[in-house]
């Protein structure tokens, strides 16, 4: 059990913009949340297809589909026109319209435990991100490239200056938690990310921008013990969509059971182990036909 003391409303936030596959991914994560949560928080599902979710989940009192105009969706992409920045736009919108404790989570997640304890530090003004990925300067090959291109370069947003140094830590942005008052300023993340993308156009600039911005408010806490973020398994999306088509109209419990049987946690670990092999070893495994690939459904 845990001691949960919050006076403000608590919200779990999803962003499911675009394909049927992302919707299926989000639905599986939402169902895992309802399995894990003792007293579910209010869910905000930002999507361009609320009817699709309503058709599957029904008219649940605990779920809100905020109204977002096409112009807002586009503006949230920033001047760099990156879909990754929709996350920041969603948080900014939630901060203005849903006062309280906000916990954003990516769709490619599975809740392992009730995340309610995370709302207590959020209410105290602390920030949450999924997991610390270590120093940017000594991380994987991409992280080291990003560091070399950005180091000691000043990025100015409003009255704040951000600089990537040898001590800059990279956090995974699969989960982001903060107070709504802070979220109303998340437009600053979009502005910072636009500058980062303009300097070195790599997808990870969104999560780097969030980490740099959130660190201005103090230490960042990790959400990893509560949630699995299988960000490396994009190949699982078609299988989840196929399962949703097959079972959602019949039984959500069956869809959840079949999706769970994919063993995404185990596949996440296996693909990560392959990804972390030296490049020569991955090349050899490919030549031998033993490279990692998503198992076919039912295998």
Protein backbone atom coordinates (compact mmCIF):
# COMPACT_ATOMS: atom_id res chain seq x y z
CA UNK A 1 0.00 0.00 0.00
CA UNK A 2 1.04 3.62 -0.34
CA UNK A 3 0.32 6.92 1.31
CA UNK A 4 -1.23 9.09 -1.38
CA UNK A 5 -1.99 12.65 -0.36
CA UNK A 6 -3.06 15.02 -3.11
CA UNK A 7 -5.55 17.84 -2.90
CA UNK A 8 -5.67 18.69 -6.62
CA UNK A 9 -7.27 16.59 -9.38
CA UNK A 10 -4.98 14.01 -10.99
CA UNK A 11 -4.88 13.24 -14.72
CA UNK A 12 -3.28 10.55 -16.85
CA UNK A 13 -2.74 11.92 -20.37
CA UNK A 14 -2.46 10.03 -23.66
CA UNK A 15 -1.70 11.28 -27.15
CA UNK A 16 -3.01 9.03 -29.91
CA UNK A 17 -2.85 11.09 -33.09
CA UNK A 18 -2.90 9.38 -36.46
CA UNK A 19 -2.99 5.74 -37.35
CA UNK A 20 -5.21 2.88 -36.24
CA UNK A 21 -2.04 1.20 -34.99
CA UNK A 22 -1.35 4.02 -32.52
CA UNK A 23 -4.94 3.84 -31.34
CA UNK A 24 -4.58 0.11 -30.66
CA UNK A 25 -1.35 0.73 -28.81
CA UNK A 26 -3.03 3.41 -26.68
CA UNK A 27 -6.02 1.19 -25.94
CA UNK A 28 -3.80 -1.61 -24.69
CA UNK A 29 -1.94 0.83 -22.42
CA UNK A 30 -5.20 2.29 -21.13
CA UNK A 31 -6.54 -1.18 -20.31
CA UNK A 32 -3.29 -2.00 -18.49
CA UNK A 33 -3.75 1.18 -16.46
CA UNK A 34 -7.25 0.18 -15.41
CA UNK A 35 -5.86 -3.22 -14.38
CA UNK A 36 -3.13 -1.60 -12.27
CA UNK A 37 -4.93 1.39 -10.74
CA UNK A 38 -6.74 0.95 -7.42
CA UNK A 39 -8.60 4.23 -7.84
CA UNK A 40 -8.15 5.34 -11.47
CA UNK A 41 -7.39 8.98 -12.15
CA UNK A 42 -9.21 10.93 -14.82
CA UNK A 43 -7.89 10.09 -18.30
CA UNK A 44 -7.37 12.73 -20.98
CA UNK A 45 -7.07 11.12 -24.40
CA UNK A 46 -5.91 13.60 -27.02
CA UNK A 47 -6.78 12.12 -30.38
CA UNK A 48 -7.97 13.13 -33.81
CA UNK A 49 -10.37 10.16 -33.72
CA UNK A 50 -12.32 10.17 -30.43
CA UNK A 51 -15.14 8.19 -32.04
CA UNK A 52 -12.78 5.24 -32.53
CA UNK A 53 -11.97 5.16 -28.81
CA UNK A 54 -15.58 5.68 -27.79
CA UNK A 55 -16.62 2.79 -30.01
CA UNK A 56 -14.23 0.45 -28.19
CA UNK A 57 -14.28 1.78 -24.63
CA UNK A 58 -17.84 3.03 -24.52
CA UNK A 59 -19.00 6.20 -22.83
CA UNK A 60 -16.83 5.97 -19.69
CA UNK A 61 -17.16 8.72 -17.11
CA UNK A 62 -13.44 8.56 -16.37
CA UNK A 63 -12.27 9.46 -19.88
CA UNK A 64 -12.28 12.89 -21.53
CA UNK A 65 -11.45 13.53 -25.19
CA UNK A 66 -10.38 17.19 -25.32
CA UNK A 67 -11.48 19.07 -28.40
CA UNK A 68 -8.47 20.06 -30.51
CA UNK A 69 -8.79 21.94 -33.79
CA UNK A 70 -6.75 21.09 -36.89
CA UNK A 71 -5.01 24.46 -36.53
CA UNK A 72 -3.95 23.58 -32.98
CA UNK A 73 -2.60 20.19 -34.03
CA UNK A 74 -0.50 21.92 -36.68
CA UNK A 75 0.71 24.73 -34.42
CA UNK A 76 1.95 22.20 -31.86
CA UNK A 77 4.44 20.85 -34.39
CA UNK A 78 6.45 24.05 -34.00
CA UNK A 79 8.39 25.80 -36.73
CA UNK A 80 10.37 22.58 -37.23
CA UNK A 81 7.07 20.82 -38.12
CA UNK A 82 7.89 17.74 -36.01
CA UNK A 83 5.17 15.32 -34.92
CA UNK A 84 7.28 14.60 -31.82
CA UNK A 85 6.39 18.07 -30.52
CA UNK A 86 2.67 17.29 -30.33
CA UNK A 87 3.44 15.95 -26.85
CA UNK A 88 4.47 19.41 -25.69
CA UNK A 89 1.38 20.96 -27.25
CA UNK A 90 -0.87 18.46 -25.51
CA UNK A 91 0.72 19.19 -22.13
CA UNK A 92 0.39 22.93 -22.69
CA UNK A 93 -3.29 22.52 -23.55
CA UNK A 94 -3.91 20.28 -20.52
CA UNK A 95 -2.17 22.77 -18.26
CA UNK A 96 -4.54 25.52 -19.37
CA UNK A 97 -7.75 23.50 -19.30
CA UNK A 98 -7.31 20.85 -16.59
CA UNK A 99 -5.75 22.34 -13.44
CA UNK A 100 -4.06 19.78 -11.22
CA UNK A 101 -1.39 17.08 -11.34
CA UNK A 102 -0.59 15.94 -14.88
CA UNK A 103 1.08 12.66 -15.88
CA UNK A 104 1.62 12.20 -19.61
CA UNK A 105 2.42 8.72 -20.94
CA UNK A 106 3.29 7.51 -24.43
CA UNK A 107 1.04 4.94 -26.09
CA UNK A 108 3.78 2.27 -26.31
CA UNK A 109 3.60 1.57 -22.59
CA UNK A 110 2.30 -1.05 -20.20
CA UNK A 111 1.53 -0.15 -16.61
CA UNK A 112 3.29 -2.50 -14.20
CA UNK A 113 1.97 -0.94 -10.99
CA UNK A 114 -0.48 1.74 -9.91
CA UNK A 115 1.30 5.06 -10.63
CA UNK A 116 -0.78 6.96 -8.08
CA UNK A 117 2.26 7.51 -5.79
CA UNK A 118 3.82 9.63 -8.54
CA UNK A 119 1.15 12.28 -8.11
CA UNK A 120 2.39 13.16 -4.61
CA UNK A 121 5.80 14.49 -5.74
CA UNK A 122 4.14 16.15 -8.73
CA UNK A 123 1.83 18.07 -6.39
CA UNK A 124 4.92 19.14 -4.43
CA UNK A 125 6.32 20.70 -7.60
CA UNK A 126 8.70 17.91 -8.59
CA UNK A 127 8.94 16.66 -12.18
CA UNK A 128 8.74 13.14 -13.56
CA UNK A 129 10.28 11.58 -16.67
CA UNK A 130 10.35 7.93 -17.66
CA UNK A 131 13.97 7.00 -17.00
CA UNK A 132 17.45 8.50 -16.94
CA UNK A 133 19.47 7.30 -19.95
CA UNK A 134 22.78 8.63 -18.62
CA UNK A 135 25.15 11.33 -19.75
CA UNK A 136 24.59 12.52 -23.30
CA UNK A 137 28.36 12.79 -23.87
CA UNK A 138 29.02 9.13 -23.05
CA UNK A 139 25.79 7.49 -24.23
CA UNK A 140 25.13 5.49 -27.38
CA UNK A 141 26.46 6.48 -30.78
CA UNK A 142 23.59 8.85 -31.54
CA UNK A 143 23.81 10.52 -28.13
CA UNK A 144 27.52 11.13 -28.59
CA UNK A 145 26.93 12.63 -32.05
CA UNK A 146 24.26 14.92 -30.65
CA UNK A 147 26.62 16.01 -27.88
CA UNK A 148 29.42 16.84 -30.32
CA UNK A 149 27.07 18.97 -32.46
CA UNK A 150 25.42 20.83 -29.57
CA UNK A 151 28.04 21.13 -26.84
CA UNK A 152 28.59 24.60 -25.41
CA UNK A 153 26.13 26.10 -27.90
CA UNK A 154 23.79 28.58 -26.12
CA UNK A 155 20.06 28.23 -26.76
CA UNK A 156 17.94 31.11 -25.50
CA UNK A 157 14.22 30.89 -24.81
CA UNK A 158 12.70 33.91 -23.14
CA UNK A 159 14.82 34.80 -20.14
CA UNK A 160 16.44 31.37 -19.90
CA UNK A 161 19.59 30.06 -21.55
CA UNK A 162 20.17 26.35 -22.07
CA UNK A 163 23.57 24.81 -22.78
CA UNK A 164 24.55 21.21 -23.51
CA UNK A 165 27.67 20.35 -21.51
CA UNK A 166 29.59 17.21 -20.55
CA UNK A 167 27.26 16.98 -17.52
CA UNK A 168 24.01 17.06 -19.51
CA UNK A 169 21.84 14.04 -18.71
CA UNK A 170 19.39 12.57 -21.23
CA UNK A 171 15.99 11.45 -19.97
CA UNK A 172 13.46 9.35 -21.84
CA UNK A 173 10.27 11.36 -22.37
CA UNK A 174 7.90 8.37 -22.53
CA UNK A 175 6.46 9.66 -19.25
CA UNK A 176 6.31 13.32 -18.20
CA UNK A 177 4.76 14.51 -14.96
CA UNK A 178 4.35 18.08 -13.74
CA UNK A 179 1.92 20.56 -12.26
CA UNK A 180 -0.57 22.22 -14.58
CA UNK A 181 0.90 25.62 -13.67
CA UNK A 182 4.25 24.48 -15.08
CA UNK A 183 2.57 22.84 -18.07
CA UNK A 184 1.16 26.19 -19.19
CA UNK A 185 4.77 27.16 -20.00
CA UNK A 186 5.54 24.04 -22.04
CA UNK A 187 5.44 26.17 -25.19
CA UNK A 188 8.99 27.00 -24.13
CA UNK A 189 9.92 23.36 -24.79
CA UNK A 190 8.64 23.68 -28.35
CA UNK A 191 10.71 26.84 -28.84
CA UNK A 192 13.81 25.17 -27.39
CA UNK A 193 13.30 22.00 -29.45
CA UNK A 194 12.90 24.08 -32.62
CA UNK A 195 16.35 25.55 -31.98
CA UNK A 196 17.83 22.12 -31.27
CA UNK A 197 16.31 20.65 -34.45
CA UNK A 198 17.63 23.60 -36.46
CA UNK A 199 21.11 22.94 -35.12
CA UNK A 200 21.10 19.15 -35.51
CA UNK A 201 18.01 17.52 -36.98
CA UNK A 202 17.61 14.31 -34.98
CA UNK A 203 14.37 12.90 -33.57
CA UNK A 204 15.64 12.82 -29.96
CA UNK A 205 15.73 16.63 -29.69
CA UNK A 206 12.21 16.62 -28.22
CA UNK A 207 13.25 14.51 -25.23
CA UNK A 208 16.49 16.47 -24.82
CA UNK A 209 14.49 19.71 -24.79
CA UNK A 210 12.13 18.36 -22.14
CA UNK A 211 15.01 17.24 -19.93
CA UNK A 212 16.86 20.54 -20.22
CA UNK A 213 13.68 22.51 -19.51
CA UNK A 214 12.44 20.39 -16.60
CA UNK A 215 15.84 20.39 -14.90
CA UNK A 216 15.46 24.16 -14.45
CA UNK A 217 12.79 23.36 -11.85
CA UNK A 218 14.88 20.84 -9.88
CA UNK A 219 15.77 17.13 -9.82
CA UNK A 220 13.79 14.83 -12.10
CA UNK A 221 12.26 11.65 -10.67
CA UNK A 222 11.93 8.43 -12.67
CA UNK A 223 8.64 6.69 -13.47
CA UNK A 224 10.31 3.50 -14.74
CA UNK A 225 9.35 1.24 -11.80
CA UNK A 226 5.68 1.82 -12.58
CA UNK A 227 5.61 1.50 -16.34
CA UNK A 228 7.31 -0.41 -19.16
CA UNK A 229 8.08 1.76 -22.20
CA UNK A 230 8.70 -0.53 -25.18
CA UNK A 231 9.73 2.33 -27.48
CA UNK A 232 11.92 0.04 -29.60
CA UNK A 233 9.09 -2.25 -30.72
CA UNK A 234 7.35 -0.26 -33.46
CA UNK A 235 6.93 -3.63 -35.22
CA UNK A 236 4.41 -4.62 -32.54
CA UNK A 237 1.91 -2.00 -33.65
CA UNK A 238 0.44 -3.92 -36.62
CA UNK A 239 -0.10 -6.97 -34.40
CA UNK A 240 -1.90 -4.90 -31.76
CA UNK A 241 -4.08 -3.33 -34.45
CA UNK A 242 -4.88 -6.78 -35.84
CA UNK A 243 -5.86 -8.03 -32.39
CA UNK A 244 -8.04 -4.99 -31.80
CA UNK A 245 -9.88 -5.56 -35.08
CA UNK A 246 -10.41 -9.20 -34.16
CA UNK A 247 -11.51 -8.89 -30.53
CA UNK A 248 -12.50 -5.36 -29.52
CA UNK A 249 -16.03 -5.77 -30.85
CA UNK A 250 -16.40 -9.00 -28.90
CA UNK A 251 -14.46 -8.69 -25.67
CA UNK A 252 -11.99 -6.10 -24.37
CA UNK A 253 -10.78 -8.69 -21.88
CA UNK A 254 -9.93 -11.03 -24.75
CA UNK A 255 -8.10 -8.26 -26.60
CA UNK A 256 -6.13 -7.46 -23.45
CA UNK A 257 -5.28 -11.13 -22.86
CA UNK A 258 -4.17 -11.66 -26.46
CA UNK A 259 -2.10 -8.48 -26.44
CA UNK A 260 -0.48 -9.50 -23.14
CA UNK A 261 0.35 -12.88 -24.67
CA UNK A 262 2.62 -11.09 -27.17
CA UNK A 263 5.09 -10.80 -24.25
CA UNK A 264 6.11 -7.28 -25.19
CA UNK A 265 8.26 -6.91 -22.07
CA UNK A 266 10.35 -9.94 -23.03
CA UNK A 267 10.57 -8.83 -26.67
CA UNK A 268 11.60 -5.34 -25.54
CA UNK A 269 14.51 -6.81 -23.57
CA UNK A 270 15.54 -9.14 -26.40
CA UNK A 271 15.56 -6.38 -29.02
CA UNK A 272 17.48 -4.06 -26.69
CA UNK A 273 20.10 -6.77 -26.13
CA UNK A 274 20.49 -7.17 -29.89
CA UNK A 275 20.60 -3.39 -30.38
CA UNK A 276 23.41 -3.10 -27.82
CA UNK A 277 25.61 -5.70 -29.53
CA UNK A 278 28.73 -4.29 -31.24
CA UNK A 279 28.05 -3.36 -34.87
CA UNK A 280 30.34 -6.12 -36.15
CA UNK A 281 28.34 -8.69 -34.19
CA UNK A 282 25.01 -7.42 -35.51
CA UNK A 283 26.43 -7.57 -39.07
CA UNK A 284 27.55 -11.15 -38.50
CA UNK A 285 24.16 -12.14 -37.08
CA UNK A 286 22.44 -10.61 -40.12
CA UNK A 287 24.73 -12.58 -42.46
CA UNK A 288 23.84 -15.74 -40.56
CA UNK A 289 20.13 -14.90 -40.75
CA UNK A 290 19.95 -14.57 -36.97
CA UNK A 291 19.16 -10.87 -36.72
CA UNK A 292 16.40 -9.83 -34.32
CA UNK A 293 12.91 -9.51 -35.73
CA UNK A 294 9.44 -9.34 -34.31
CA UNK A 295 7.94 -12.85 -34.11
CA UNK A 296 4.90 -13.44 -36.26
CA UNK A 297 1.56 -13.32 -34.46
CA UNK A 298 0.82 -16.56 -32.66
CA UNK A 299 4.46 -17.59 -32.37
